[in-house]
Amino acid sequence: MAIVEVSVVPIGTGSTSVSEYVAACHRVLKEETRINYQLTPMATILEGDLDLLLEVVRKLHEVPYGKGAERVYTTIRIDDRRDKDTSMERKVQAVESKL
């Protein structure tokens, strides 16, 4: 299972706020029952099969265009560990157990 951090930022919208676009992306995520996701203050974390996650990232990248943006800057970071099963929760627990 892969964990992907994604941040989708519309550029040139006339406003410094992006919460409207983030909310629109999360409406798309609510329809994706095959993955887990978590909103954070700076990005959204996705968890699931890598091919599926990349498909979802593509959908998220398109969301601002559907709201009138003419340029979108999307960043992704992928943690694809194949030697054992992992999850968002397990990664956090691993750190918290050492505190």
C-alpha atoms as a PDB file:
ATOM      1  CA  MET A   1       0.000   0.000   0.000  1.00  0.00           C
ATOM      2  CA  ALA A   2       1.260   3.446  -0.876  1.00  0.00           C
ATOM      3  CA  ILE A   3       0.873   6.725   0.949  1.00  0.00           C
ATOM      4  CA  VAL A   4       0.756   9.883  -1.155  1.00  0.00           C
ATOM      5  CA  GLU A   5       0.822  13.493  -0.032  1.00  0.00           C
ATOM      6  CA  VAL A   6      -0.851  15.817  -2.534  1.00  0.00           C
ATOM      7  CA  SER A   7      -1.291  19.560  -2.646  1.00  0.00           C
ATOM      8  CA  VAL A   8      -3.288  21.178  -5.458  1.00  0.00           C
ATOM      9  CA  VAL A   9      -2.906  24.949  -5.795  1.00  0.00           C
ATOM     10  CA  PRO A  10      -4.740  27.112  -8.335  1.00  0.00           C
ATOM     11  CA  ILE A  11      -2.697  30.056  -9.558  1.00  0.00           C
ATOM     12  CA  GLY A  12      -3.973  33.415 -10.758  1.00  0.00           C
ATOM     13  CA  THR A  13      -7.471  33.217  -9.318  1.00  0.00           C
ATOM     14  CA  GLY A  14      -7.490  36.734  -7.899  1.00  0.00           C
ATOM     15  CA  SER A  15      -7.565  35.516  -4.289  1.00  0.00           C
ATOM     16  CA  THR A  16      -4.954  34.225  -1.879  1.00  0.00           C
ATOM     17  CA  SER A  17      -7.471  31.806  -0.336  1.00  0.00           C
ATOM     18  CA  VAL A  18      -7.530  28.213  -1.584  1.00  0.00           C
ATOM     19  CA  SER A  19     -10.020  26.681   0.886  1.00  0.00           C
ATOM     20  CA  GLU A  20     -12.808  26.718  -1.720  1.00  0.00           C
ATOM     21  CA  TYR A  21     -10.632  24.594  -4.023  1.00  0.00           C
ATOM     22  CA  VAL A  22      -9.541  22.269  -1.222  1.00  0.00           C
ATOM     23  CA  ALA A  23     -13.187  21.709  -0.299  1.00  0.00           C
ATOM     24  CA  ALA A  24     -14.002  20.934  -3.931  1.00  0.00           C
ATOM     25  CA  CYS A  25     -11.162  18.392  -4.021  1.00  0.00           C
ATOM     26  CA  HIS A  26     -12.471  16.771  -0.865  1.00  0.00           C
ATOM     27  CA  ARG A  27     -15.919  16.445  -2.397  1.00  0.00           C
ATOM     28  CA  VAL A  28     -14.217  14.387  -5.130  1.00  0.00           C
ATOM     29  CA  LEU A  29     -12.430  12.316  -2.479  1.00  0.00           C
ATOM     30  CA  LYS A  30     -15.701  11.517  -0.708  1.00  0.00           C
ATOM     31  CA  GLU A  31     -16.728   9.647  -3.868  1.00  0.00           C
ATOM     32  CA  GLU A  32     -13.533   7.540  -3.815  1.00  0.00           C
ATOM     33  CA  THR A  33     -14.473   4.584  -1.617  1.00  0.00           C
ATOM     34  CA  ARG A  34     -11.398   2.513  -2.528  1.00  0.00           C
ATOM     35  CA  ILE A  35      -8.885   4.770  -0.752  1.00  0.00           C
ATOM     36  CA  ASN A  36      -8.370   6.372   2.638  1.00  0.00           C
ATOM     37  CA  TYR A  37      -7.523  10.039   2.950  1.00  0.00           C
ATOM     38  CA  GLN A  38      -6.805  12.648   5.574  1.00  0.00           C
ATOM     39  CA  LEU A  39      -6.925  16.430   5.327  1.00  0.00           C
ATOM     40  CA  THR A  40      -4.024  18.207   7.023  1.00  0.00           C
ATOM     41  CA  PRO A  41      -3.364  21.954   7.321  1.00  0.00           C
ATOM     42  CA  MET A  42      -0.875  21.901   4.443  1.00  0.00           C
ATOM     43  CA  ALA A  43      -1.854  18.980   2.184  1.00  0.00           C
ATOM     44  CA  THR A  44      -4.010  15.886   1.874  1.00  0.00           C
ATOM     45  CA  ILE A  45      -2.693  12.394   2.540  1.00  0.00           C
ATOM     46  CA  LEU A  46      -4.006   9.512   0.430  1.00  0.00           C
ATOM     47  CA  GLU A  47      -3.583   5.809   1.195  1.00  0.00           C
ATOM     48  CA  GLY A  48      -4.180   2.852  -1.115  1.00  0.00           C
ATOM     49  CA  ASP A  49      -2.995   1.119  -4.269  1.00  0.00           C
ATOM     50  CA  LEU A  50      -0.438   3.324  -6.046  1.00  0.00           C
ATOM     51  CA  ASP A  51      -2.051   3.086  -9.485  1.00  0.00           C
ATOM     52  CA  LEU A  52      -5.398   4.088  -8.008  1.00  0.00           C
ATOM     53  CA  LEU A  53      -3.842   6.927  -6.005  1.00  0.00           C
ATOM     54  CA  LEU A  54      -2.209   8.355  -9.110  1.00  0.00           C
ATOM     55  CA  GLU A  55      -5.582   8.201 -10.873  1.00  0.00           C
ATOM     56  CA  VAL A  56      -7.146  10.097  -7.970  1.00  0.00           C
ATOM     57  CA  VAL A  57      -4.346  12.686  -7.983  1.00  0.00           C
ATOM     58  CA  ARG A  58      -5.118  13.329 -11.645  1.00  0.00           C
ATOM     59  CA  LYS A  59      -8.795  13.925 -10.778  1.00  0.00           C
ATOM     60  CA  LEU A  60      -7.804  16.300  -7.980  1.00  0.00           C
ATOM     61  CA  HIS A  61      -5.452  18.193 -10.307  1.00  0.00           C
ATOM     62  CA  GLU A  62      -8.391  18.840 -12.663  1.00  0.00           C
ATOM     63  CA  VAL A  63     -10.709  20.229  -9.959  1.00  0.00           C
ATOM     64  CA  PRO A  64      -9.464  23.868 -10.061  1.00  0.00           C
ATOM     65  CA  TYR A  65      -9.802  23.925 -13.849  1.00  0.00           C
ATOM     66  CA  GLY A  66     -13.453  23.027 -13.409  1.00  0.00           C
ATOM     67  CA  LYS A  67     -13.794  26.063 -11.146  1.00  0.00           C
ATOM     68  CA  GLY A  68     -12.249  28.457 -13.672  1.00  0.00           C
ATOM     69  CA  ALA A  69      -8.535  28.340 -12.815  1.00  0.00           C
ATOM     70  CA  GLU A  70      -6.247  28.608 -15.816  1.00  0.00           C
ATOM     71  CA  ARG A  71      -3.113  27.310 -14.101  1.00  0.00           C
ATOM     72  CA  VAL A  72      -2.705  24.653 -11.414  1.00  0.00           C
ATOM     73  CA  TYR A  73       0.411  23.717  -9.459  1.00  0.00           C
ATOM     74  CA  THR A  74       0.200  20.224  -7.949  1.00  0.00           C
ATOM     75  CA  THR A  75       2.864  18.611  -5.800  1.00  0.00           C
ATOM     76  CA  ILE A  76       2.944  14.962  -4.798  1.00  0.00           C
ATOM     77  CA  ARG A  77       5.201  12.931  -2.545  1.00  0.00           C
ATOM     78  CA  ILE A  78       4.963   9.140  -2.643  1.00  0.00           C
ATOM     79  CA  ASP A  79       5.930   6.673   0.085  1.00  0.00           C
ATOM     80  CA  ASP A  80       5.606   3.231  -1.528  1.00  0.00           C
ATOM     81  CA  ARG A  81       6.955   0.660   0.906  1.00  0.00           C
ATOM     82  CA  ARG A  82       6.834  -2.903  -0.396  1.00  0.00           C
ATOM     83  CA  ASP A  83       8.699  -4.860   2.271  1.00  0.00           C
ATOM     84  CA  LYS A  84       5.728  -4.782   4.682  1.00  0.00           C
ATOM     85  CA  ASP A  85       2.213  -3.433   5.002  1.00  0.00           C
ATOM     86  CA  THR A  86       1.941   0.106   6.264  1.00  0.00           C
ATOM     87  CA  SER A  87      -0.689   2.779   6.733  1.00  0.00           C
ATOM     88  CA  MET A  88      -0.998   6.408   7.748  1.00  0.00           C
ATOM     89  CA  GLU A  89      -1.955   5.287  11.233  1.00  0.00           C
ATOM     90  CA  ARG A  90       0.960   2.858  11.599  1.00  0.00           C
ATOM     91  CA  LYS A  91       3.456   5.510  10.498  1.00  0.00           C
ATOM     92  CA  VAL A  92       2.180   7.903  13.169  1.00  0.00           C
ATOM     93  CA  GLN A  93       2.120   5.146  15.802  1.00  0.00           C
ATOM     94  CA  ALA A  94       5.732   4.231  15.011  1.00  0.00           C
ATOM     95  CA  VAL A  95       6.840   7.779  15.851  1.00  0.00           C
ATOM     96  CA  GLU A  96       4.562   8.186  18.866  1.00  0.00           C
ATOM     97  CA  SER A  97       5.839   4.920  20.358  1.00  0.00           C
ATOM     98  CA  LYS A  98       9.319   6.422  20.421  1.00  0.00           C
ATOM     99  CA  LEU A  99       8.294   9.634  22.192  1.00  0.00           C
END
